Amino acid sequence: MTDTSETFLQTTRTSYDAIAKDYAARFPAGGRHPLDHALITVFAELVTQAGPAPVADLGSGPGHGTALLDELGVPAFGVDLSPAMVTLARGTYPQLRFHIGSMTSLDLPDATLGGILALYSTIHVPDTHLPAAFAEFHRTLLPGGHALLAFQTGADPGHLHLPERFGHEIDLDYYWRTPDQITGLLTEAGLDLVATVRREPSGEETHARGFVLARKPGGGA
């Protein structure tokens, strides 16, 4: 059972349950920026080279990232805090596995994942809880496993609270962080930096996008 004792877990879950269908319609499969797609492809190549271990798509939402990994030949499954999102993903991609869960407390054994994908999902985790999430990344990754994070970024960290989206009443917090901030926390969790990328806003985006690729030490070259 998912632990929702923390207030931010409760509000994030309830908010995404409320907007799940509208969110999926607003962000359809195939709507990803080409650079985002290219970085996910590189991530898929890295975890494939390391071996056949599964990859967890944390904050999988409607399941599009999980499905892309599957298309790229990666054995992937999705984890999301919102039961409504998990239901949508299962309906859209019935051949794939999706589970309800939180990245701050993963119901997964130690050292079993070949990779972790976290696309715009750490943005709802408060600063005080990010170390716990990244400790879970380190715990569940195999030595040599990779993690790819994508998030909104800017010159300085920031925070936004939204009480409404898509016409629904919600209680959702967004945090944008610098790549250096994310890299520092991943390093403290025991992961090594592989690369950082910054993409400028495109289309209706209001913030630049940051990407951090990290690796758990060990497992050969």
N, C-alpha and C. Protein backbone atom coordinates (compact mmCIF):
# COMPACT_ATOMS: atom_id res chain seq x y z
N MET A 1 0.85 -1.19 0.00
CA MET A 1 0.00 0.00 0.00
C MET A 1 0.88 1.25 0.00
N THR A 2 0.50 2.26 -0.76
CA THR A 2 1.27 3.48 -0.84
C THR A 2 1.14 4.28 0.44
N ASP A 3 2.27 4.76 0.96
CA ASP A 3 2.28 5.59 2.15
C ASP A 3 1.99 7.03 1.75
N THR A 4 0.84 7.54 2.15
CA THR A 4 0.48 8.92 1.84
C THR A 4 0.39 9.74 3.12
N SER A 5 1.18 9.36 4.13
CA SER A 5 1.15 10.05 5.40
C SER A 5 1.67 11.48 5.28
N GLU A 6 2.58 11.72 4.34
CA GLU A 6 3.07 13.07 4.12
C GLU A 6 2.03 13.87 3.35
N THR A 7 1.82 15.12 3.77
CA THR A 7 0.78 15.95 3.16
C THR A 7 0.99 16.12 1.67
N PHE A 8 2.25 16.33 1.22
CA PHE A 8 2.48 16.56 -0.20
C PHE A 8 2.12 15.34 -1.04
N LEU A 9 2.28 14.14 -0.47
CA LEU A 9 1.87 12.95 -1.20
C LEU A 9 0.35 12.91 -1.35
N GLN A 10 -0.36 13.25 -0.32
CA GLN A 10 -1.82 13.25 -0.37
C GLN A 10 -2.33 14.27 -1.38
N THR A 11 -1.81 15.49 -1.32
CA THR A 11 -2.32 16.54 -2.20
C THR A 11 -1.93 16.28 -3.66
N THR A 12 -0.72 15.76 -3.88
CA THR A 12 -0.30 15.46 -5.26
C THR A 12 -1.16 14.35 -5.85
N ARG A 13 -1.38 13.30 -5.06
CA ARG A 13 -2.22 12.19 -5.54
C ARG A 13 -3.63 12.67 -5.86
N THR A 14 -4.25 13.40 -4.94
CA THR A 14 -5.63 13.86 -5.14
C THR A 14 -5.73 14.81 -6.33
N SER A 15 -4.74 15.68 -6.47
CA SER A 15 -4.76 16.64 -7.58
C SER A 15 -4.66 15.94 -8.93
N TYR A 16 -3.75 14.98 -9.05
CA TYR A 16 -3.62 14.28 -10.33
C TYR A 16 -4.78 13.33 -10.58
N ASP A 17 -5.39 12.80 -9.54
CA ASP A 17 -6.61 12.03 -9.75
C ASP A 17 -7.68 12.91 -10.39
N ALA A 18 -7.75 14.17 -9.97
CA ALA A 18 -8.77 15.09 -10.48
C ALA A 18 -8.53 15.48 -11.93
N ILE A 19 -7.28 15.62 -12.34
CA ILE A 19 -6.99 16.15 -13.68
C ILE A 19 -6.48 15.09 -14.64
N ALA A 20 -6.47 13.83 -14.24
CA ALA A 20 -5.81 12.78 -15.03
C ALA A 20 -6.27 12.76 -16.49
N LYS A 21 -7.57 12.73 -16.73
CA LYS A 21 -8.06 12.63 -18.10
C LYS A 21 -7.71 13.86 -18.92
N ASP A 22 -7.85 15.04 -18.33
CA ASP A 22 -7.52 16.27 -19.05
C ASP A 22 -6.02 16.38 -19.30
N TYR A 23 -5.23 15.96 -18.34
CA TYR A 23 -3.78 15.98 -18.49
C TYR A 23 -3.36 15.07 -19.65
N ALA A 24 -3.92 13.87 -19.70
CA ALA A 24 -3.58 12.93 -20.76
C ALA A 24 -3.96 13.47 -22.13
N ALA A 25 -5.09 14.18 -22.20
CA ALA A 25 -5.51 14.78 -23.47
C ALA A 25 -4.62 15.95 -23.87
N ARG A 26 -4.14 16.69 -22.87
CA ARG A 26 -3.30 17.87 -23.13
C ARG A 26 -1.90 17.47 -23.54
N PHE A 27 -1.40 16.35 -23.04
CA PHE A 27 -0.05 15.90 -23.34
C PHE A 27 -0.09 14.49 -23.93
N PRO A 28 -0.45 14.39 -25.22
CA PRO A 28 -0.59 13.06 -25.84
C PRO A 28 0.75 12.43 -26.14
N ALA A 29 0.73 11.15 -26.41
CA ALA A 29 1.94 10.44 -26.83
C ALA A 29 2.43 11.04 -28.14
N GLY A 30 3.72 11.13 -28.29
CA GLY A 30 4.28 11.70 -29.52
C GLY A 30 4.46 13.20 -29.46
N GLY A 31 4.04 13.85 -28.37
CA GLY A 31 4.16 15.29 -28.27
C GLY A 31 5.45 15.75 -27.63
N ARG A 32 6.42 14.87 -27.52
CA ARG A 32 7.66 15.18 -26.81
C ARG A 32 8.63 15.95 -27.71
N HIS A 33 9.36 16.90 -27.13
CA HIS A 33 10.36 17.67 -27.86
C HIS A 33 11.44 16.72 -28.40
N PRO A 34 11.96 16.98 -29.61
CA PRO A 34 12.97 16.08 -30.19
C PRO A 34 14.20 15.88 -29.32
N LEU A 35 14.65 16.94 -28.61
CA LEU A 35 15.82 16.77 -27.75
C LEU A 35 15.49 15.87 -26.56
N ASP A 36 14.30 16.03 -26.00
CA ASP A 36 13.88 15.14 -24.91
C ASP A 36 13.89 13.69 -25.39
N HIS A 37 13.33 13.48 -26.59
CA HIS A 37 13.28 12.14 -27.16
C HIS A 37 14.70 11.58 -27.36
N ALA A 38 15.61 12.43 -27.83
CA ALA A 38 16.97 11.97 -28.08
C ALA A 38 17.67 11.57 -26.78
N LEU A 39 17.45 12.35 -25.71
CA LEU A 39 18.09 12.03 -24.44
C LEU A 39 17.53 10.74 -23.84
N ILE A 40 16.23 10.51 -23.99
CA ILE A 40 15.64 9.25 -23.52
C ILE A 40 16.20 8.08 -24.32
N THR A 41 16.42 8.30 -25.61
CA THR A 41 16.99 7.26 -26.47
C THR A 41 18.41 6.91 -26.01
N VAL A 42 19.21 7.92 -25.69
CA VAL A 42 20.56 7.67 -25.17
C VAL A 42 20.49 6.90 -23.86
N PHE A 43 19.59 7.32 -22.97
CA PHE A 43 19.39 6.62 -21.70
C PHE A 43 19.04 5.15 -21.96
N ALA A 44 18.15 4.90 -22.91
CA ALA A 44 17.74 3.54 -23.23
C ALA A 44 18.93 2.72 -23.74
N GLU A 45 19.78 3.34 -24.53
CA GLU A 45 20.96 2.63 -25.04
C GLU A 45 21.90 2.27 -23.90
N LEU A 46 22.07 3.18 -22.95
CA LEU A 46 22.97 2.92 -21.83
C LEU A 46 22.47 1.77 -20.96
N VAL A 47 21.18 1.77 -20.64
CA VAL A 47 20.68 0.71 -19.77
C VAL A 47 20.61 -0.62 -20.52
N THR A 48 20.42 -0.59 -21.82
CA THR A 48 20.40 -1.82 -22.61
C THR A 48 21.79 -2.44 -22.66
N GLN A 49 22.81 -1.60 -22.81
CA GLN A 49 24.19 -2.10 -22.83
C GLN A 49 24.57 -2.76 -21.51
N ALA A 50 23.99 -2.26 -20.41
CA ALA A 50 24.35 -2.77 -19.09
C ALA A 50 23.73 -4.13 -18.79
N GLY A 51 22.66 -4.49 -19.49
CA GLY A 51 22.04 -5.79 -19.26
C GLY A 51 20.53 -5.74 -19.30
N PRO A 52 19.88 -6.86 -18.99
CA PRO A 52 18.43 -6.98 -19.18
C PRO A 52 17.59 -6.54 -17.98
N ALA A 53 18.16 -5.90 -16.97
CA ALA A 53 17.40 -5.52 -15.78
C ALA A 53 16.33 -4.49 -16.13
N PRO A 54 15.20 -4.51 -15.43
CA PRO A 54 14.09 -3.61 -15.74
C PRO A 54 14.40 -2.16 -15.37
N VAL A 55 13.64 -1.26 -16.00
CA VAL A 55 13.74 0.17 -15.74
C VAL A 55 12.42 0.66 -15.18
N ALA A 56 12.48 1.47 -14.14
CA ALA A 56 11.27 2.05 -13.54
C ALA A 56 11.09 3.47 -14.04
N ASP A 57 9.91 3.74 -14.58
CA ASP A 57 9.52 5.10 -14.98
C ASP A 57 8.74 5.68 -13.81
N LEU A 58 9.38 6.54 -13.01
CA LEU A 58 8.79 7.04 -11.78
C LEU A 58 8.02 8.33 -12.04
N GLY A 59 6.76 8.33 -11.66
CA GLY A 59 5.87 9.43 -12.03
C GLY A 59 5.43 9.25 -13.47
N SER A 60 5.02 8.03 -13.79
CA SER A 60 4.77 7.64 -15.18
C SER A 60 3.54 8.27 -15.79
N GLY A 61 2.63 8.82 -14.99
CA GLY A 61 1.47 9.52 -15.53
C GLY A 61 0.67 8.66 -16.50
N PRO A 62 0.34 9.20 -17.68
CA PRO A 62 -0.44 8.43 -18.66
C PRO A 62 0.31 7.26 -19.28
N GLY A 63 1.61 7.13 -18.99
CA GLY A 63 2.36 5.97 -19.44
C GLY A 63 3.17 6.16 -20.70
N HIS A 64 3.23 7.38 -21.24
CA HIS A 64 3.89 7.58 -22.52
C HIS A 64 5.40 7.32 -22.45
N GLY A 65 6.04 7.73 -21.35
CA GLY A 65 7.47 7.49 -21.21
C GLY A 65 7.78 6.01 -21.09
N THR A 66 6.97 5.29 -20.34
CA THR A 66 7.13 3.85 -20.20
C THR A 66 6.99 3.17 -21.56
N ALA A 67 6.00 3.61 -22.33
CA ALA A 67 5.77 3.03 -23.66
C ALA A 67 6.92 3.33 -24.60
N LEU A 68 7.50 4.53 -24.51
CA LEU A 68 8.64 4.85 -25.36
C LEU A 68 9.83 3.96 -25.02
N LEU A 69 10.08 3.75 -23.75
CA LEU A 69 11.17 2.84 -23.37
C LEU A 69 10.93 1.44 -23.93
N ASP A 70 9.69 0.99 -23.85
CA ASP A 70 9.34 -0.33 -24.40
C ASP A 70 9.61 -0.38 -25.90
N GLU A 71 9.25 0.69 -26.61
CA GLU A 71 9.51 0.75 -28.05
C GLU A 71 11.01 0.71 -28.35
N LEU A 72 11.80 1.24 -27.43
CA LEU A 72 13.25 1.27 -27.61
C LEU A 72 13.92 -0.02 -27.14
N GLY A 73 13.11 -1.01 -26.77
CA GLY A 73 13.64 -2.31 -26.40
C GLY A 73 14.02 -2.47 -24.95
N VAL A 74 13.56 -1.56 -24.10
CA VAL A 74 13.89 -1.60 -22.68
C VAL A 74 12.74 -2.24 -21.90
N PRO A 75 13.00 -3.21 -21.04
CA PRO A 75 11.94 -3.79 -20.21
C PRO A 75 11.57 -2.80 -19.10
N ALA A 76 10.50 -2.06 -19.31
CA ALA A 76 10.15 -0.96 -18.41
C ALA A 76 8.78 -1.16 -17.79
N PHE A 77 8.62 -0.56 -16.61
CA PHE A 77 7.31 -0.50 -15.97
C PHE A 77 7.15 0.87 -15.33
N GLY A 78 5.89 1.28 -15.11
CA GLY A 78 5.62 2.60 -14.58
C GLY A 78 5.16 2.57 -13.14
N VAL A 79 5.51 3.62 -12.42
CA VAL A 79 5.07 3.82 -11.04
C VAL A 79 4.52 5.23 -10.92
N ASP A 80 3.32 5.37 -10.39
CA ASP A 80 2.75 6.70 -10.23
C ASP A 80 1.95 6.77 -8.93
N LEU A 81 1.95 7.94 -8.33
CA LEU A 81 1.26 8.15 -7.07
C LEU A 81 -0.26 8.16 -7.24
N SER A 82 -0.72 8.54 -8.43
CA SER A 82 -2.15 8.73 -8.69
C SER A 82 -2.81 7.45 -9.21
N PRO A 83 -3.78 6.89 -8.49
CA PRO A 83 -4.51 5.72 -9.00
C PRO A 83 -5.21 6.00 -10.33
N ALA A 84 -5.71 7.22 -10.51
CA ALA A 84 -6.40 7.55 -11.77
C ALA A 84 -5.41 7.52 -12.94
N MET A 85 -4.20 8.03 -12.71
CA MET A 85 -3.19 7.98 -13.77
C MET A 85 -2.81 6.54 -14.09
N VAL A 86 -2.65 5.73 -13.08
CA VAL A 86 -2.30 4.32 -13.30
C VAL A 86 -3.40 3.62 -14.09
N THR A 87 -4.64 3.90 -13.77
CA THR A 87 -5.77 3.31 -14.50
C THR A 87 -5.74 3.72 -15.97
N LEU A 88 -5.48 5.01 -16.23
CA LEU A 88 -5.39 5.49 -17.61
C LEU A 88 -4.25 4.80 -18.35
N ALA A 89 -3.10 4.71 -17.71
CA ALA A 89 -1.94 4.09 -18.37
C ALA A 89 -2.20 2.62 -18.69
N ARG A 90 -2.80 1.92 -17.75
CA ARG A 90 -3.11 0.50 -17.99
C ARG A 90 -4.09 0.34 -19.14
N GLY A 91 -5.04 1.26 -19.25
CA GLY A 91 -6.01 1.18 -20.34
C GLY A 91 -5.41 1.48 -21.69
N THR A 92 -4.46 2.43 -21.72
CA THR A 92 -3.82 2.82 -22.98
C THR A 92 -2.76 1.83 -23.41
N TYR A 93 -2.02 1.30 -22.43
CA TYR A 93 -0.92 0.38 -22.73
C TYR A 93 -1.11 -0.91 -21.93
N PRO A 94 -2.10 -1.73 -22.30
CA PRO A 94 -2.39 -2.93 -21.50
C PRO A 94 -1.28 -3.96 -21.50
N GLN A 95 -0.35 -3.86 -22.43
CA GLN A 95 0.76 -4.81 -22.49
C GLN A 95 1.87 -4.48 -21.50
N LEU A 96 1.78 -3.31 -20.85
CA LEU A 96 2.82 -2.86 -19.93
C LEU A 96 2.32 -2.88 -18.49
N ARG A 97 3.26 -2.85 -17.55
CA ARG A 97 2.92 -2.88 -16.12
C ARG A 97 2.98 -1.47 -15.54
N PHE A 98 1.97 -1.13 -14.75
CA PHE A 98 1.93 0.14 -14.05
C PHE A 98 1.46 -0.11 -12.62
N HIS A 99 2.13 0.55 -11.67
CA HIS A 99 1.83 0.33 -10.26
C HIS A 99 1.63 1.66 -9.55
N ILE A 100 0.84 1.65 -8.50
CA ILE A 100 0.69 2.82 -7.63
C ILE A 100 1.83 2.82 -6.64
N GLY A 101 2.52 3.94 -6.50
CA GLY A 101 3.63 4.00 -5.57
C GLY A 101 4.24 5.39 -5.52
N SER A 102 5.14 5.59 -4.57
CA SER A 102 5.83 6.87 -4.38
C SER A 102 7.33 6.68 -4.52
N MET A 103 7.98 7.61 -5.21
CA MET A 103 9.43 7.52 -5.38
C MET A 103 10.18 7.75 -4.07
N THR A 104 9.51 8.28 -3.05
CA THR A 104 10.17 8.48 -1.77
C THR A 104 10.20 7.20 -0.93
N SER A 105 9.45 6.18 -1.35
CA SER A 105 9.42 4.91 -0.63
C SER A 105 8.99 3.82 -1.61
N LEU A 106 9.91 3.36 -2.42
CA LEU A 106 9.60 2.41 -3.48
C LEU A 106 9.44 0.99 -2.92
N ASP A 107 8.40 0.34 -3.36
CA ASP A 107 8.14 -1.05 -2.95
C ASP A 107 8.90 -1.98 -3.89
N LEU A 108 10.23 -1.85 -3.88
CA LEU A 108 11.09 -2.61 -4.77
C LEU A 108 12.30 -3.11 -3.98
N PRO A 109 12.81 -4.30 -4.33
CA PRO A 109 14.00 -4.81 -3.63
C PRO A 109 15.24 -3.97 -3.95
N ASP A 110 16.25 -4.11 -3.11
CA ASP A 110 17.52 -3.44 -3.33
C ASP A 110 18.17 -3.93 -4.62
N ALA A 111 18.85 -3.01 -5.31
CA ALA A 111 19.73 -3.34 -6.44
C ALA A 111 19.07 -4.26 -7.46
N THR A 112 17.90 -3.85 -7.96
CA THR A 112 17.19 -4.66 -8.95
C THR A 112 16.89 -3.92 -10.25
N LEU A 113 17.10 -2.61 -10.28
CA LEU A 113 16.75 -1.82 -11.46
C LEU A 113 17.98 -1.51 -12.31
N GLY A 114 17.82 -1.67 -13.61
CA GLY A 114 18.88 -1.26 -14.52
C GLY A 114 18.86 0.24 -14.78
N GLY A 115 17.74 0.88 -14.51
CA GLY A 115 17.64 2.31 -14.73
C GLY A 115 16.40 2.89 -14.09
N ILE A 116 16.43 4.20 -13.90
CA ILE A 116 15.29 4.95 -13.40
C ILE A 116 15.08 6.17 -14.30
N LEU A 117 13.85 6.34 -14.78
CA LEU A 117 13.48 7.51 -15.56
C LEU A 117 12.51 8.34 -14.73
N ALA A 118 12.81 9.62 -14.56
CA ALA A 118 11.94 10.50 -13.78
C ALA A 118 11.73 11.78 -14.59
N LEU A 119 10.70 11.76 -15.44
CA LEU A 119 10.42 12.88 -16.33
C LEU A 119 9.42 13.83 -15.67
N TYR A 120 9.90 14.97 -15.23
CA TYR A 120 9.03 16.01 -14.67
C TYR A 120 8.17 15.48 -13.53
N SER A 121 8.74 14.60 -12.73
CA SER A 121 8.01 14.05 -11.57
C SER A 121 8.63 14.49 -10.25
N THR A 122 9.94 14.74 -10.22
CA THR A 122 10.55 15.27 -8.99
C THR A 122 10.11 16.71 -8.73
N ILE A 123 9.46 17.33 -9.71
CA ILE A 123 9.05 18.74 -9.56
C ILE A 123 7.98 18.92 -8.49
N HIS A 124 7.34 17.84 -8.07
CA HIS A 124 6.32 17.94 -7.02
C HIS A 124 6.83 17.52 -5.65
N VAL A 125 8.11 17.17 -5.57
CA VAL A 125 8.70 16.72 -4.31
C VAL A 125 9.38 17.90 -3.62
N PRO A 126 8.98 18.26 -2.41
CA PRO A 126 9.62 19.38 -1.71
C PRO A 126 11.11 19.11 -1.47
N ASP A 127 11.86 20.18 -1.30
CA ASP A 127 13.30 20.06 -1.10
C ASP A 127 13.64 19.12 0.05
N THR A 128 12.86 19.18 1.11
CA THR A 128 13.17 18.38 2.30
C THR A 128 13.00 16.88 2.06
N HIS A 129 12.26 16.51 0.99
CA HIS A 129 12.01 15.09 0.72
C HIS A 129 12.82 14.56 -0.47
N LEU A 130 13.50 15.44 -1.19
CA LEU A 130 14.30 14.97 -2.32
C LEU A 130 15.42 14.01 -1.89
N PRO A 131 16.13 14.27 -0.79
CA PRO A 131 17.16 13.30 -0.39
C PRO A 131 16.62 11.89 -0.18
N ALA A 132 15.41 11.78 0.36
CA ALA A 132 14.81 10.45 0.55
C ALA A 132 14.53 9.79 -0.80
N ALA A 133 14.04 10.58 -1.76
CA ALA A 133 13.77 10.03 -3.09
C ALA A 133 15.06 9.55 -3.76
N PHE A 134 16.11 10.37 -3.68
CA PHE A 134 17.36 10.01 -4.33
C PHE A 134 18.06 8.86 -3.61
N ALA A 135 17.84 8.74 -2.31
CA ALA A 135 18.35 7.57 -1.59
C ALA A 135 17.67 6.30 -2.10
N GLU A 136 16.38 6.41 -2.45
CA GLU A 136 15.67 5.27 -3.03
C GLU A 136 16.20 4.95 -4.43
N PHE A 137 16.56 5.97 -5.19
CA PHE A 137 17.19 5.73 -6.49
C PHE A 137 18.44 4.87 -6.30
N HIS A 138 19.30 5.30 -5.37
CA HIS A 138 20.55 4.59 -5.13
C HIS A 138 20.29 3.17 -4.63
N ARG A 139 19.34 3.03 -3.73
CA ARG A 139 19.06 1.71 -3.14
C ARG A 139 18.58 0.72 -4.18
N THR A 140 17.70 1.14 -5.08
CA THR A 140 17.06 0.21 -6.00
C THR A 140 17.84 -0.02 -7.29
N LEU A 141 18.76 0.88 -7.62
CA LEU A 141 19.56 0.69 -8.83
C LEU A 141 20.63 -0.38 -8.63
N LEU A 142 20.85 -1.15 -9.65
CA LEU A 142 22.00 -2.04 -9.70
C LEU A 142 23.28 -1.22 -9.82
N PRO A 143 24.41 -1.71 -9.36
CA PRO A 143 25.67 -1.04 -9.66
C PRO A 143 25.83 -0.88 -11.17
N GLY A 144 26.14 0.31 -11.60
CA GLY A 144 26.22 0.59 -13.03
C GLY A 144 24.92 1.06 -13.64
N GLY A 145 23.83 1.05 -12.86
CA GLY A 145 22.54 1.50 -13.37
C GLY A 145 22.48 3.01 -13.51
N HIS A 146 21.67 3.50 -14.45
CA HIS A 146 21.57 4.92 -14.75
C HIS A 146 20.21 5.49 -14.33
N ALA A 147 20.24 6.78 -14.01
CA ALA A 147 19.01 7.53 -13.74
C ALA A 147 19.00 8.77 -14.61
N LEU A 148 17.87 9.03 -15.28
CA LEU A 148 17.70 10.24 -16.08
C LEU A 148 16.54 11.03 -15.51
N LEU A 149 16.82 12.28 -15.13
CA LEU A 149 15.80 13.17 -14.59
C LEU A 149 15.59 14.34 -15.53
N ALA A 150 14.34 14.75 -15.69
CA ALA A 150 14.00 15.96 -16.43
C ALA A 150 13.12 16.82 -15.54
N PHE A 151 13.33 18.14 -15.61
CA PHE A 151 12.63 19.04 -14.71
C PHE A 151 12.67 20.46 -15.27
N GLN A 152 11.71 21.27 -14.85
CA GLN A 152 11.74 22.68 -15.18
C GLN A 152 12.88 23.34 -14.41
N THR A 153 13.56 24.32 -15.04
CA THR A 153 14.70 24.95 -14.39
C THR A 153 14.74 26.43 -14.72
N GLY A 154 15.61 27.13 -14.01
CA GLY A 154 15.81 28.56 -14.22
C GLY A 154 17.14 28.97 -13.62
N ALA A 155 17.41 30.27 -13.63
CA ALA A 155 18.66 30.75 -13.06
C ALA A 155 18.72 30.49 -11.57
N ASP A 156 17.57 30.49 -10.92
CA ASP A 156 17.48 30.26 -9.48
C ASP A 156 16.34 29.27 -9.21
N PRO A 157 16.40 28.57 -8.08
CA PRO A 157 15.28 27.71 -7.69
C PRO A 157 14.00 28.53 -7.50
N GLY A 158 12.84 27.91 -7.69
CA GLY A 158 11.58 28.60 -7.52
C GLY A 158 10.47 27.65 -7.12
N HIS A 159 9.32 28.21 -6.82
CA HIS A 159 8.17 27.44 -6.34
C HIS A 159 6.89 28.09 -6.82
N LEU A 160 5.92 27.27 -7.20
CA LEU A 160 4.61 27.74 -7.63
C LEU A 160 3.55 26.83 -7.04
N HIS A 161 2.50 27.43 -6.50
CA HIS A 161 1.35 26.66 -6.01
C HIS A 161 0.17 26.91 -6.93
N LEU A 162 -0.46 25.83 -7.40
CA LEU A 162 -1.64 25.96 -8.27
C LEU A 162 -2.87 25.43 -7.55
N PRO A 163 -3.92 26.28 -7.42
CA PRO A 163 -5.17 25.82 -6.82
C PRO A 163 -6.18 25.32 -7.85
N GLU A 164 -5.85 25.51 -9.15
CA GLU A 164 -6.78 25.10 -10.22
C GLU A 164 -6.01 24.76 -11.47
N ARG A 165 -6.48 23.73 -12.18
CA ARG A 165 -5.92 23.39 -13.49
C ARG A 165 -6.96 22.63 -14.28
N PHE A 166 -7.08 22.94 -15.56
CA PHE A 166 -8.05 22.31 -16.44
C PHE A 166 -9.47 22.42 -15.89
N GLY A 167 -9.74 23.49 -15.14
CA GLY A 167 -11.07 23.69 -14.59
C GLY A 167 -11.36 22.89 -13.33
N HIS A 168 -10.36 22.20 -12.79
CA HIS A 168 -10.54 21.40 -11.58
C HIS A 168 -9.85 22.07 -10.40
N GLU A 169 -10.45 21.97 -9.25
CA GLU A 169 -9.83 22.47 -8.03
C GLU A 169 -8.75 21.48 -7.59
N ILE A 170 -7.53 21.99 -7.41
CA ILE A 170 -6.40 21.14 -7.01
C ILE A 170 -5.61 21.83 -5.91
N ASP A 171 -4.61 21.15 -5.42
CA ASP A 171 -3.72 21.69 -4.39
C ASP A 171 -2.33 21.16 -4.69
N LEU A 172 -1.70 21.75 -5.71
CA LEU A 172 -0.49 21.16 -6.28
C LEU A 172 0.67 22.16 -6.25
N ASP A 173 1.80 21.69 -5.78
CA ASP A 173 3.01 22.51 -5.72
C ASP A 173 4.01 22.06 -6.78
N TYR A 174 4.63 23.05 -7.42
CA TYR A 174 5.66 22.82 -8.42
C TYR A 174 6.95 23.48 -7.94
N TYR A 175 8.07 22.77 -8.09
CA TYR A 175 9.37 23.30 -7.70
C TYR A 175 10.28 23.23 -8.92
N TRP A 176 10.91 24.35 -9.28
CA TRP A 176 11.93 24.27 -10.31
C TRP A 176 13.29 24.51 -9.68
N ARG A 177 14.27 23.75 -10.18
CA ARG A 177 15.58 23.70 -9.57
C ARG A 177 16.67 23.77 -10.63
N THR A 178 17.85 24.16 -10.23
CA THR A 178 18.97 24.22 -11.16
C THR A 178 19.59 22.82 -11.31
N PRO A 179 20.21 22.54 -12.46
CA PRO A 179 20.91 21.27 -12.61
C PRO A 179 21.97 21.05 -11.53
N ASP A 180 22.66 22.13 -11.12
CA ASP A 180 23.66 21.99 -10.06
C ASP A 180 23.03 21.52 -8.75
N GLN A 181 21.83 22.04 -8.46
CA GLN A 181 21.14 21.63 -7.23
C GLN A 181 20.79 20.15 -7.27
N ILE A 182 20.24 19.70 -8.40
CA ILE A 182 19.89 18.29 -8.54
C ILE A 182 21.14 17.42 -8.51
N THR A 183 22.17 17.84 -9.22
CA THR A 183 23.41 17.08 -9.26
C THR A 183 24.01 16.92 -7.87
N GLY A 184 24.00 18.00 -7.08
CA GLY A 184 24.54 17.94 -5.74
C GLY A 184 23.82 16.93 -4.87
N LEU A 185 22.49 16.90 -4.97
CA LEU A 185 21.71 15.97 -4.16
C LEU A 185 21.91 14.53 -4.62
N LEU A 186 22.01 14.31 -5.92
CA LEU A 186 22.28 12.96 -6.42
C LEU A 186 23.65 12.48 -5.98
N THR A 187 24.63 13.38 -6.00
CA THR A 187 25.98 13.02 -5.56
C THR A 187 25.97 12.65 -4.08
N GLU A 188 25.25 13.43 -3.28
CA GLU A 188 25.15 13.12 -1.85
C GLU A 188 24.49 11.76 -1.62
N ALA A 189 23.61 11.36 -2.54
CA ALA A 189 22.95 10.06 -2.43
C ALA A 189 23.84 8.91 -2.90
N GLY A 190 25.01 9.22 -3.45
CA GLY A 190 25.93 8.18 -3.87
C GLY A 190 25.96 7.89 -5.36
N LEU A 191 25.33 8.78 -6.16
CA LEU A 191 25.32 8.60 -7.61
C LEU A 191 26.35 9.52 -8.26
N ASP A 192 26.94 9.07 -9.35
CA ASP A 192 27.94 9.86 -10.08
C ASP A 192 27.29 10.59 -11.25
N LEU A 193 27.69 11.84 -11.45
CA LEU A 193 27.18 12.61 -12.59
C LEU A 193 27.76 12.09 -13.89
N VAL A 194 26.89 11.93 -14.90
CA VAL A 194 27.32 11.56 -16.25
C VAL A 194 27.21 12.76 -17.19
N ALA A 195 26.08 13.46 -17.13
CA ALA A 195 25.88 14.60 -18.02
C ALA A 195 24.74 15.48 -17.53
N THR A 196 24.82 16.76 -17.89
CA THR A 196 23.70 17.68 -17.68
C THR A 196 23.41 18.39 -19.00
N VAL A 197 22.14 18.68 -19.24
CA VAL A 197 21.72 19.38 -20.45
C VAL A 197 20.67 20.41 -20.06
N ARG A 198 20.72 21.58 -20.66
CA ARG A 198 19.69 22.59 -20.48
C ARG A 198 19.07 22.88 -21.84
N ARG A 199 17.75 22.82 -21.91
CA ARG A 199 17.03 23.15 -23.14
C ARG A 199 16.18 24.40 -22.90
N GLU A 200 16.26 25.36 -23.79
CA GLU A 200 15.47 26.58 -23.64
C GLU A 200 13.99 26.29 -23.88
N PRO A 201 13.10 27.15 -23.37
CA PRO A 201 11.66 26.91 -23.54
C PRO A 201 11.26 26.82 -25.01
N SER A 202 10.29 25.97 -25.28
CA SER A 202 9.80 25.76 -26.64
C SER A 202 8.28 25.87 -26.64
N GLY A 203 7.73 26.51 -27.67
CA GLY A 203 6.27 26.60 -27.78
C GLY A 203 5.66 27.35 -26.60
N GLU A 204 4.73 26.70 -25.89
CA GLU A 204 4.03 27.33 -24.77
C GLU A 204 4.78 27.19 -23.45
N GLU A 205 5.93 26.55 -23.45
CA GLU A 205 6.69 26.39 -22.22
C GLU A 205 7.15 27.74 -21.68
N THR A 206 7.11 27.88 -20.37
CA THR A 206 7.52 29.14 -19.73
C THR A 206 8.86 29.02 -19.01
N HIS A 207 9.34 27.81 -18.82
CA HIS A 207 10.63 27.59 -18.16
C HIS A 207 11.52 26.71 -19.03
N ALA A 208 12.83 26.95 -18.90
CA ALA A 208 13.79 26.05 -19.54
C ALA A 208 13.67 24.66 -18.93
N ARG A 209 14.20 23.68 -19.63
CA ARG A 209 14.20 22.30 -19.16
C ARG A 209 15.61 21.86 -18.80
N GLY A 210 15.73 21.22 -17.66
CA GLY A 210 17.01 20.68 -17.24
C GLY A 210 16.98 19.16 -17.27
N PHE A 211 18.10 18.56 -17.63
CA PHE A 211 18.23 17.11 -17.67
C PHE A 211 19.52 16.73 -16.95
N VAL A 212 19.43 15.75 -16.08
CA VAL A 212 20.61 15.23 -15.40
C VAL A 212 20.64 13.72 -15.57
N LEU A 213 21.76 13.22 -16.06
CA LEU A 213 21.99 11.79 -16.20
C LEU A 213 23.04 11.39 -15.18
N ALA A 214 22.69 10.43 -14.33
CA ALA A 214 23.60 9.99 -13.27
C ALA A 214 23.72 8.47 -13.30
N ARG A 215 24.74 7.97 -12.60
CA ARG A 215 25.03 6.54 -12.63
C ARG A 215 25.44 6.06 -11.23
N LYS A 216 24.93 4.90 -10.84
CA LYS A 216 25.38 4.29 -9.59
C LYS A 216 26.75 3.65 -9.82
N PRO A 217 27.73 3.93 -8.99
CA PRO A 217 29.08 3.37 -9.21
C PRO A 217 29.07 1.84 -9.20
N GLY A 218 30.04 1.27 -9.90
CA GLY A 218 30.19 -0.17 -9.95
C GLY A 218 29.63 -0.73 -11.24
N GLY A 219 29.65 -2.05 -11.35
CA GLY A 219 29.06 -2.71 -12.50
C GLY A 219 29.90 -2.67 -13.75
N GLY A 220 31.16 -2.37 -13.65
CA GLY A 220 32.02 -2.33 -14.83
C GLY A 220 31.97 -0.98 -15.49
N ALA A 221 32.62 -0.88 -16.66
CA ALA A 221 32.74 0.40 -17.37
C ALA A 221 31.42 0.80 -17.99
